[in-house]
């Protein structure tokens, strides 16, 4: 799958996920609106029923109104209004059961929302003998309504507003019944937590699946690229010795070569060297098929790791004699119980040393240092090579991976050496890590468990 198709696939998946999230949001929002409308409708009916049960004493209000009209004291002034309002308040307070009735009705309908309420006067008209309405008090809005009863004083942010009209023999009035729910949003969220929980779970599952799919696609693309590089590398690696052998074989058929024994020897040595090179390439590929990790556990022996490392360093210096290789050995670990499969352990260390030389532009300088604590044996290998970028350090141990920057492209290899080292170390129950910066070299650290503990802690 090429890069363009991957981008299109991720874009389509992302669009689908965003569409799903949008649908979920719309569904939850609509459910919340429906829940709110149902709540408003139900509470309005309950409040209306409760309000009509208030035994308002009309006769007392009519008596006071008639007395003031008879004395011509009922004028549209604040003093007259206050007198009427006081009688209305007294009539409502004498009842005093509105709040309790509301709580009982709400509880019966399984409504547990906290509320505040108030009864307020919106308008009051006098009726003359011909039943004409004479304005006595009129409110121009909620803020001007006269509070008569209840614990709610501010009517501006109320949810419910129900109006009631009363007619007496000499007056008419409009009362507004206000109910406010201070924590209504929390109430709805609590009622819908089941639906919202399911929706959130679905969202997280979809996001998780989306992330997993994208990660899988990118991983498959990376594996595909690494395998392509591996095929290209191994094709190049095989082509060079095969073409050299072909040329040498063709020259062996020449009459002039047959008459010159030294040329025959030279060509034979060329063929031998290229044959060894081919064998080395085949051996590296074969290293991809290891024993089962459980089998390695049965193959391990308690060995002296320092003796193994010292022997490996001696042979390694011979191999790279022409590079003027310098290796500093600082073995300070004092540990019993280190069990290894010697040949595999040496292979893991050799691959790291080999890379240290291959990827060093100057004279290679390598330092081996061992130490231990109570539970683990440590080996660090430090070089002065080109270093490994931070973003590549997590992938450097993956099969076929090769760092794509700098001069590393000029170095031949199949990208399986460090993968092999990690596999071997992990088969021994250990860990291998790398650190460092480009142009400052690298530090590989191997950590292996001690089965019987250490004689002492050395650093």
Protein backbone atom coordinates (compact mmCIF):
# COMPACT_ATOMS: atom_id res chain seq x y z
CA UNK A 1 0.00 0.00 0.00
CA UNK A 2 1.56 3.28 -1.09
CA UNK A 3 1.66 6.42 0.98
CA UNK A 4 -1.17 8.14 -0.91
CA UNK A 5 -3.57 5.24 -0.35
CA UNK A 6 -2.68 5.13 3.33
CA UNK A 7 -3.48 8.83 3.69
CA UNK A 8 -6.80 8.35 1.90
CA UNK A 9 -7.66 5.34 4.09
CA UNK A 10 -6.81 7.24 7.30
CA UNK A 11 -8.76 10.28 6.07
CA UNK A 12 -11.84 8.14 5.34
CA UNK A 13 -11.57 6.39 8.70
CA UNK A 14 -11.17 9.73 10.46
CA UNK A 15 -14.20 11.12 8.62
CA UNK A 16 -16.26 8.09 9.62
CA UNK A 17 -15.21 8.46 13.26
CA UNK A 18 -16.05 12.19 13.25
CA UNK A 19 -19.44 11.43 11.69
CA UNK A 20 -20.12 8.84 14.40
CA UNK A 21 -19.13 11.32 17.12
CA UNK A 22 -21.40 13.96 15.56
CA UNK A 23 -24.34 11.51 15.47
CA UNK A 24 -23.71 10.58 19.10
CA UNK A 25 -23.62 14.25 20.09
CA UNK A 26 -26.87 14.99 18.21
CA UNK A 27 -28.62 11.97 19.77
CA UNK A 28 -27.55 12.92 23.29
CA UNK A 29 -28.52 16.58 22.72
CA UNK A 30 -31.96 15.63 21.37
CA UNK A 31 -32.50 13.20 24.23
CA UNK A 32 -31.61 15.96 26.67
CA UNK A 33 -34.05 18.38 24.98
CA UNK A 34 -36.86 15.80 25.02
CA UNK A 35 -36.15 15.04 28.66
CA UNK A 36 -36.29 18.75 29.46
CA UNK A 37 -39.57 19.28 27.57
CA UNK A 38 -41.15 16.30 29.30
CA UNK A 39 -39.94 17.62 32.64
CA UNK A 40 -41.36 21.10 31.98
CA UNK A 41 -44.71 19.72 30.86
CA UNK A 42 -45.06 17.40 33.83
CA UNK A 43 -43.97 19.94 36.44
CA UNK A 44 -46.25 22.59 34.93
CA UNK A 45 -49.26 20.31 35.31
CA UNK A 46 -48.30 19.40 38.87
CA UNK A 47 -47.77 23.05 39.82
CA UNK A 48 -51.14 24.00 38.30
CA UNK A 49 -52.92 21.33 40.32
CA UNK A 50 -51.23 22.45 43.52
CA UNK A 51 -51.96 26.11 42.89
CA UNK A 52 -55.65 25.53 42.33
CA UNK A 53 -55.78 23.81 45.71
CA UNK A 54 -54.75 27.03 47.49
CA UNK A 55 -57.80 28.14 49.53
CA UNK A 56 -57.42 31.84 48.75
CA UNK A 57 -59.68 33.96 50.95
CA UNK A 58 -61.42 36.10 48.29
CA UNK A 59 -64.03 37.42 50.71
CA UNK A 60 -61.41 39.14 52.86
CA UNK A 61 -59.88 40.82 49.79
CA UNK A 62 -63.36 41.81 48.53
CA UNK A 63 -64.29 43.22 51.93
CA UNK A 64 -61.15 45.36 52.18
CA UNK A 65 -61.54 46.52 48.59
CA UNK A 66 -65.22 47.43 49.04
CA UNK A 67 -64.53 49.28 52.30
CA UNK A 68 -61.77 51.33 50.70
CA UNK A 69 -63.92 52.09 47.64
CA UNK A 70 -66.80 53.19 49.87
CA UNK A 71 -64.52 55.60 51.74
CA UNK A 72 -62.95 56.71 48.43
CA UNK A 73 -59.57 55.62 49.83
CA UNK A 74 -58.82 53.09 47.08
CA UNK A 75 -56.65 55.13 44.78
CA UNK A 76 -53.89 54.16 42.42
CA UNK A 77 -51.14 55.13 44.83
CA UNK A 78 -48.49 53.19 46.69
CA UNK A 79 -50.24 53.38 50.05
CA UNK A 80 -53.50 51.93 48.73
CA UNK A 81 -51.63 49.28 46.78
CA UNK A 82 -49.65 48.20 49.81
CA UNK A 83 -52.84 47.77 51.81
CA UNK A 84 -54.37 45.46 49.21
CA UNK A 85 -51.09 43.58 48.71
CA UNK A 86 -50.80 42.97 52.44
CA UNK A 87 -54.20 41.31 52.51
CA UNK A 88 -53.29 39.13 49.54
CA UNK A 89 -50.05 38.09 51.25
CA UNK A 90 -51.90 37.33 54.44
CA UNK A 91 -54.38 35.16 52.59
CA UNK A 92 -51.59 33.11 51.01
CA UNK A 93 -49.40 32.86 54.09
CA UNK A 94 -52.36 31.64 56.09
CA UNK A 95 -52.43 28.63 53.78
CA UNK A 96 -48.68 27.97 53.90
CA UNK A 97 -48.68 24.51 52.34
CA UNK A 98 -47.65 25.18 48.74
CA UNK A 99 -44.03 24.08 49.07
CA UNK A 100 -44.88 20.88 50.90
CA UNK A 101 -47.62 19.99 48.41
CA UNK A 102 -45.20 20.48 45.51
CA UNK A 103 -42.61 18.23 47.15
CA UNK A 104 -45.21 15.51 47.68
CA UNK A 105 -46.45 15.68 44.10
CA UNK A 106 -42.92 15.70 42.67
CA UNK A 107 -41.91 12.74 44.83
CA UNK A 108 -44.97 10.79 43.66
CA UNK A 109 -43.85 11.35 40.03
CA UNK A 110 -40.22 10.41 40.84
CA UNK A 111 -38.96 13.98 40.32
CA UNK A 112 -36.07 14.65 42.67
CA UNK A 113 -35.03 18.09 41.43
CA UNK A 114 -34.48 20.83 44.00
CA UNK A 115 -36.71 23.86 43.48
CA UNK A 116 -37.64 27.32 44.73
CA UNK A 117 -41.04 28.86 44.06
CA UNK A 118 -43.00 32.09 44.45
CA UNK A 119 -46.51 33.45 43.96
CA UNK A 120 -46.46 37.00 42.55
CA UNK A 121 -49.11 39.56 41.60
CA UNK A 122 -48.99 40.61 37.96
CA UNK A 123 -52.09 42.81 37.75
CA UNK A 124 -55.08 43.97 39.85
CA UNK A 125 -58.22 45.66 38.47
CA UNK A 126 -61.21 47.20 40.22
CA UNK A 127 -64.71 46.42 38.95
CA UNK A 128 -67.36 49.13 38.97
CA UNK A 129 -71.10 48.59 39.00
CA UNK A 130 -71.09 47.94 35.26
CA UNK A 131 -68.22 45.44 35.62
CA UNK A 132 -65.78 47.74 33.91
CA UNK A 133 -62.16 47.08 34.81
CA UNK A 134 -60.38 50.00 36.38
CA UNK A 135 -56.55 49.55 36.46
CA UNK A 136 -55.23 49.54 39.98
CA UNK A 137 -51.86 47.80 39.46
CA UNK A 138 -50.19 46.46 36.31
CA UNK A 139 -46.74 44.93 35.99
CA UNK A 140 -44.66 45.64 32.89
CA UNK A 141 -42.70 42.41 33.21
CA UNK A 142 -41.48 39.77 35.57
CA UNK A 143 -39.12 42.11 37.36
CA UNK A 144 -42.08 44.34 38.39
CA UNK A 145 -44.31 41.53 39.70
CA UNK A 146 -45.16 41.91 43.39
CA UNK A 147 -43.86 39.03 45.51
CA UNK A 148 -46.62 37.62 47.68
CA UNK A 149 -45.45 34.24 48.90
CA UNK A 150 -42.54 31.76 48.58
CA UNK A 151 -38.74 31.69 48.89
CA UNK A 152 -38.01 32.81 45.33
CA UNK A 153 -37.37 36.54 44.97
CA UNK A 154 -35.72 36.92 41.58
CA UNK A 155 -38.05 35.99 38.71
CA UNK A 156 -35.68 36.72 35.82
CA UNK A 157 -34.13 33.26 35.46
CA UNK A 158 -37.09 31.05 36.29
CA UNK A 159 -37.91 27.99 34.25
CA UNK A 160 -41.65 27.72 34.83
CA UNK A 161 -44.18 30.56 34.70
CA UNK A 162 -47.85 29.68 35.03
CA UNK A 163 -50.52 32.41 35.16
CA UNK A 164 -53.83 32.24 37.02
CA UNK A 165 -56.79 34.68 36.79
CA UNK A 166 -59.19 35.38 39.65
CA UNK A 167 -62.49 37.28 39.58
CA UNK A 168 -64.23 38.62 42.62
CA UNK A 169 -67.34 40.77 42.96
CA UNK A 170 -65.38 44.02 42.86
CA UNK A 171 -61.90 43.07 41.55
CA UNK A 172 -59.98 40.84 39.14
CA UNK A 173 -56.34 39.88 39.31
CA UNK A 174 -53.63 37.80 37.64
CA UNK A 175 -51.23 35.79 39.77
CA UNK A 176 -48.03 34.26 38.36
CA UNK A 177 -46.67 31.07 39.80
CA UNK A 178 -42.88 30.81 39.38
CA UNK A 179 -40.69 27.76 39.94
CA UNK A 180 -36.91 27.80 39.62
CA UNK A 181 -34.61 24.74 39.57
CA UNK A 182 -31.11 25.90 40.63
CA UNK A 183 -29.37 22.60 39.77
CA UNK A 184 -31.49 21.47 36.85
CA UNK A 185 -28.54 20.68 34.56
CA UNK A 186 -27.05 18.35 37.17
CA UNK A 187 -30.46 16.76 37.61
CA UNK A 188 -30.78 15.97 33.90
CA UNK A 189 -27.22 14.69 33.69
CA UNK A 190 -27.93 12.41 36.63
CA UNK A 191 -31.07 11.04 34.98
CA UNK A 192 -29.25 10.50 31.70
CA UNK A 193 -26.00 9.12 33.08
CA UNK A 194 -26.86 5.63 31.85
CA UNK A 195 -27.37 6.78 28.26
CA UNK A 196 -24.38 9.10 28.42
CA UNK A 197 -22.24 6.31 29.90
CA UNK A 198 -23.14 3.99 27.03
CA UNK A 199 -22.48 6.77 24.51
CA UNK A 200 -19.10 7.60 26.04
CA UNK A 201 -18.16 3.93 26.13
CA UNK A 202 -19.10 3.62 22.46
CA UNK A 203 -17.06 6.74 21.64
CA UNK A 204 -13.99 5.44 23.46
CA UNK A 205 -14.33 2.03 21.80
CA UNK A 206 -14.60 3.62 18.37
CA UNK A 207 -11.63 5.89 19.07
CA UNK A 208 -9.65 2.93 20.36
CA UNK A 209 -10.50 0.86 17.28
CA UNK A 210 -9.64 3.84 15.06
CA UNK A 211 -6.28 4.28 16.75
CA UNK A 212 -5.58 0.54 16.55
CA UNK A 213 -6.47 0.42 12.85
CA UNK A 214 -4.34 3.46 12.03
CA UNK A 215 -1.45 2.05 14.05
CA UNK A 216 -1.81 -1.32 12.30
CA UNK A 217 -1.89 0.31 8.87
CA UNK A 218 1.23 2.35 9.61
CA UNK A 219 2.97 -0.67 11.12
CA UNK A 220 2.14 -2.81 8.11
CA UNK A 221 3.41 -0.04 5.84
CA UNK A 222 6.63 0.18 7.83
CA UNK A 223 7.06 -3.61 7.77
CA UNK A 224 6.41 -3.60 4.05
CA UNK A 225 9.04 -0.91 3.54
CA UNK A 226 11.54 -2.78 5.72
CA UNK A 227 10.95 -6.04 3.82
CA UNK A 228 11.37 -4.19 0.54
CA UNK A 229 14.64 -2.74 1.82
CA UNK A 230 15.68 -6.20 3.00
CA UNK A 231 15.00 -7.70 -0.41
CA UNK A 232 16.89 -4.87 -2.10
CA UNK A 233 19.81 -5.22 0.33
CA UNK A 234 20.08 -8.98 0.07
CA UNK A 235 19.75 -8.79 -3.73
CA UNK A 236 22.63 -6.33 -3.81
CA UNK A 237 24.64 -8.40 -1.32
CA UNK A 238 24.18 -11.57 -3.40
CA UNK A 239 24.72 -9.88 -6.74
CA UNK A 240 28.24 -8.64 -5.98
CA UNK A 241 29.86 -12.01 -5.04
CA UNK A 242 27.93 -13.88 -7.72
CA UNK A 243 29.00 -11.47 -10.44
CA UNK A 244 32.60 -11.64 -9.18
CA UNK A 245 32.52 -15.46 -9.23
CA UNK A 246 31.05 -15.36 -12.73
CA UNK A 247 33.86 -13.13 -13.99
CA UNK A 248 36.50 -15.28 -12.27
CA UNK A 249 34.99 -18.46 -13.72
CA UNK A 250 34.94 -16.91 -17.19
CA UNK A 251 38.61 -15.96 -16.85
CA UNK A 252 39.52 -19.52 -15.82
CA UNK A 253 38.45 -20.62 -19.28
CA UNK A 254 40.98 -18.32 -20.93
CA UNK A 255 44.00 -20.08 -22.41
CA UNK A 256 46.39 -17.43 -21.10
CA UNK A 257 45.20 -18.02 -17.53
CA UNK A 258 45.62 -21.76 -17.83
CA UNK A 259 49.24 -21.26 -18.79
CA UNK A 260 49.91 -19.05 -15.75
CA UNK A 261 49.74 -20.96 -12.40
CA UNK A 262 49.84 -17.76 -10.33
CA UNK A 263 46.78 -16.37 -12.08
CA UNK A 264 44.99 -19.66 -11.43
CA UNK A 265 45.80 -19.35 -7.73
CA UNK A 266 44.67 -15.72 -7.67
CA UNK A 267 41.36 -16.53 -9.35
CA UNK A 268 40.83 -19.50 -7.06
CA UNK A 269 41.37 -17.25 -4.03
CA UNK A 270 38.86 -14.74 -5.44
CA UNK A 271 36.28 -17.49 -5.84
CA UNK A 272 37.02 -18.77 -2.31
CA UNK A 273 36.63 -15.32 -0.75
CA UNK A 274 33.37 -14.65 -2.58
CA UNK A 275 32.12 -18.10 -1.62
CA UNK A 276 32.81 -17.30 2.05
CA UNK A 277 30.98 -14.03 1.60
CA UNK A 278 27.96 -15.83 0.18
CA UNK A 279 28.10 -18.30 3.06
CA UNK A 280 28.17 -15.41 5.53
CA UNK A 281 25.09 -13.84 3.92
CA UNK A 282 23.24 -17.15 4.07
CA UNK A 283 24.25 -17.62 7.72
CA UNK A 284 22.90 -14.17 8.59
CA UNK A 285 19.57 -14.96 6.95
CA UNK A 286 19.43 -18.30 8.74
CA UNK A 287 19.78 -16.47 12.05
CA UNK A 288 16.18 -15.32 11.59
CA UNK A 289 15.09 -18.87 12.58
CA UNK A 290 16.15 -19.47 16.16
CA UNK A 291 15.49 -22.07 18.75
CA UNK A 292 12.37 -21.63 20.81
CA UNK A 293 13.09 -19.40 23.81
CA UNK A 294 12.08 -22.25 26.14
CA UNK A 295 14.70 -24.48 24.52
CA UNK A 296 17.42 -21.89 25.19
CA UNK A 297 16.63 -22.07 28.90
CA UNK A 298 17.69 -25.74 28.86
CA UNK A 299 20.87 -24.92 26.93
CA UNK A 300 22.23 -22.32 29.36
CA UNK A 301 25.29 -22.91 31.52
CA UNK A 302 26.79 -21.04 34.44
CA UNK A 303 29.80 -19.38 32.87
CA UNK A 304 32.35 -16.66 33.50
CA UNK A 305 31.06 -13.84 31.30
CA UNK A 306 34.38 -11.98 31.59
CA UNK A 307 36.33 -14.87 30.07
CA UNK A 308 33.83 -15.06 27.19
CA UNK A 309 34.07 -11.32 26.56
CA UNK A 310 37.88 -11.27 26.74
CA UNK A 311 38.13 -14.07 24.15
CA UNK A 312 35.63 -12.36 21.88
CA UNK A 313 37.56 -9.07 22.04
CA UNK A 314 40.84 -10.82 21.10
CA UNK A 315 39.28 -12.40 17.99
CA UNK A 316 37.46 -9.20 17.12
CA UNK A 317 40.69 -7.18 17.13
CA UNK A 318 42.22 -9.64 14.68
CA UNK A 319 39.26 -9.27 12.30
CA UNK A 320 39.57 -5.48 12.22
CA UNK A 321 43.34 -5.23 12.53
CA UNK A 322 43.52 -2.85 9.56
CA UNK A 323 41.21 -0.35 11.31
CA UNK A 324 43.62 0.15 14.23
CA UNK A 325 40.80 -0.83 16.57
CA UNK A 326 41.11 0.10 20.27
CA UNK A 327 38.97 -1.70 22.87
CA UNK A 328 38.96 -0.71 26.56
CA UNK A 329 37.84 -3.50 28.89
CA UNK A 330 36.62 -2.65 32.37
CA UNK A 331 35.13 -5.77 33.97
CA UNK A 332 33.96 -4.98 37.52
CA UNK A 333 30.97 -7.32 37.95
CA UNK A 334 31.22 -9.87 40.76
CA UNK A 335 28.31 -12.21 40.25
CA UNK A 336 27.39 -15.83 40.76
CA UNK A 337 24.45 -17.45 39.04
CA UNK A 338 24.83 -15.89 35.57
CA UNK A 339 23.59 -18.60 33.20
CA UNK A 340 24.19 -18.16 29.48
CA UNK A 341 24.19 -20.08 26.25
CA UNK A 342 27.78 -19.08 25.38
CA UNK A 343 27.64 -19.07 21.58
CA UNK A 344 24.37 -17.11 21.43
CA UNK A 345 25.54 -14.60 24.03
CA UNK A 346 28.76 -14.02 22.07
CA UNK A 347 26.71 -13.60 18.88
CA UNK A 348 24.59 -10.90 20.57
CA UNK A 349 27.68 -8.98 21.75
CA UNK A 350 29.54 -9.50 18.46
CA UNK A 351 26.72 -7.92 16.45
CA UNK A 352 26.88 -4.79 18.61
CA UNK A 353 30.68 -4.61 18.33
CA UNK A 354 30.50 -5.20 14.58
CA UNK A 355 28.06 -2.31 14.14
CA UNK A 356 30.28 -0.09 16.30
CA UNK A 357 33.11 -0.54 13.79
CA UNK A 358 30.98 -0.40 10.64
CA UNK A 359 29.30 2.86 11.61
CA UNK A 360 32.44 4.66 12.81
CA UNK A 361 34.05 7.03 10.33
CA UNK A 362 37.16 7.62 12.45
CA UNK A 363 39.42 5.14 14.24
CA UNK A 364 37.03 2.93 16.23
CA UNK A 365 37.21 3.31 20.01
CA UNK A 366 35.07 0.87 21.99
CA UNK A 367 34.65 0.50 25.76
CA UNK A 368 33.21 -2.58 27.50
CA UNK A 369 32.15 -2.12 31.10
CA UNK A 370 30.44 -4.64 33.42
CA UNK A 371 28.89 -4.18 36.85
CA UNK A 372 26.14 -5.73 38.92
CA UNK A 373 23.63 -5.23 41.69
CA UNK A 374 21.91 -7.84 43.83
CA UNK A 375 19.69 -9.13 41.03
CA UNK A 376 21.22 -8.22 37.68
CA UNK A 377 24.42 -8.35 35.64
CA UNK A 378 25.04 -5.35 33.37
CA UNK A 379 27.22 -4.92 30.28
CA UNK A 380 27.57 -1.58 28.51
CA UNK A 381 29.23 -1.15 25.12
CA UNK A 382 30.19 2.42 24.24
CA UNK A 383 31.48 3.51 20.83
CA UNK A 384 32.53 6.70 19.06
CA UNK A 385 30.45 6.05 15.94
CA UNK A 386 27.94 8.13 14.05
CA UNK A 387 25.29 7.63 16.74
CA UNK A 388 21.61 6.84 16.40
CA UNK A 389 18.88 9.54 16.21
CA UNK A 390 16.42 9.49 19.10
CA UNK A 391 13.43 8.70 16.86
CA UNK A 392 15.23 5.61 15.51
CA UNK A 393 16.35 4.22 18.89
CA UNK A 394 12.96 2.58 19.52
CA UNK A 395 13.01 0.81 16.15
CA UNK A 396 16.69 -0.10 15.87
CA UNK A 397 16.07 -3.61 17.26
CA UNK A 398 13.25 -4.44 14.83
CA UNK A 399 13.74 -6.98 12.08
CA UNK A 400 15.11 -5.54 8.80
CA UNK A 401 15.19 -1.99 10.17
CA UNK A 402 18.10 0.23 9.13
CA UNK A 403 18.50 3.88 10.10
CA UNK A 404 17.80 5.86 6.92
CA UNK A 405 19.97 8.92 7.67
CA UNK A 406 23.54 9.89 7.08
CA UNK A 407 26.35 7.62 6.01
CA UNK A 408 24.61 4.46 7.19
CA UNK A 409 23.24 3.96 3.67
CA UNK A 410 26.82 3.37 2.55
CA UNK A 411 27.28 0.49 4.98
CA UNK A 412 26.25 -2.95 3.78
CA UNK A 413 23.93 -5.05 5.91
CA UNK A 414 20.59 -6.81 6.09
CA UNK A 415 19.14 -5.12 9.16
CA UNK A 416 18.99 -8.25 11.30
CA UNK A 417 22.08 -7.95 13.53
CA UNK A 418 20.57 -5.91 16.36
CA UNK A 419 17.28 -7.76 16.01
CA UNK A 420 19.25 -10.97 16.59
CA UNK A 421 20.97 -9.44 19.64
CA UNK A 422 17.69 -8.38 21.21
CA UNK A 423 16.13 -11.81 20.55
CA UNK A 424 19.04 -13.57 22.25
CA UNK A 425 19.11 -11.26 25.29
CA UNK A 426 15.34 -11.53 25.76
CA UNK A 427 15.59 -15.33 25.43
CA UNK A 428 17.91 -15.15 28.45
CA UNK A 429 15.27 -13.14 30.37
CA UNK A 430 17.15 -9.88 29.96
CA UNK A 431 16.81 -6.48 28.31
CA UNK A 432 18.85 -4.45 25.85
CA UNK A 433 18.62 -0.67 25.42
CA UNK A 434 20.43 2.02 23.47
CA UNK A 435 21.13 5.68 24.13
CA UNK A 436 23.29 8.44 22.66
CA UNK A 437 23.10 11.24 20.13
CA UNK A 438 24.08 11.61 16.47
CA UNK A 439 27.81 12.31 16.01
CA UNK A 440 28.42 11.47 19.69
CA UNK A 441 28.40 7.69 19.51
CA UNK A 442 26.08 5.12 21.09
CA UNK A 443 25.82 3.22 24.36
CA UNK A 444 24.23 -0.25 24.31
CA UNK A 445 23.33 -1.67 27.72
CA UNK A 446 22.58 -5.34 28.32
CA UNK A 447 20.81 -6.37 31.53
CA UNK A 448 20.72 -10.06 32.51
CA UNK A 449 19.16 -11.65 35.62
CA UNK A 450 21.30 -13.43 38.23
CA UNK A 451 19.69 -16.69 39.29
CA UNK A 452 21.60 -17.06 42.58
CA UNK A 453 22.36 -13.45 43.46
CA UNK A 454 25.64 -11.58 43.55
CA UNK A 455 28.71 -11.93 45.75
CA UNK A 456 28.78 -8.17 46.06
CA UNK A 457 27.51 -5.02 44.45
CA UNK A 458 29.97 -3.44 42.01
CA UNK A 459 29.52 -0.41 39.80
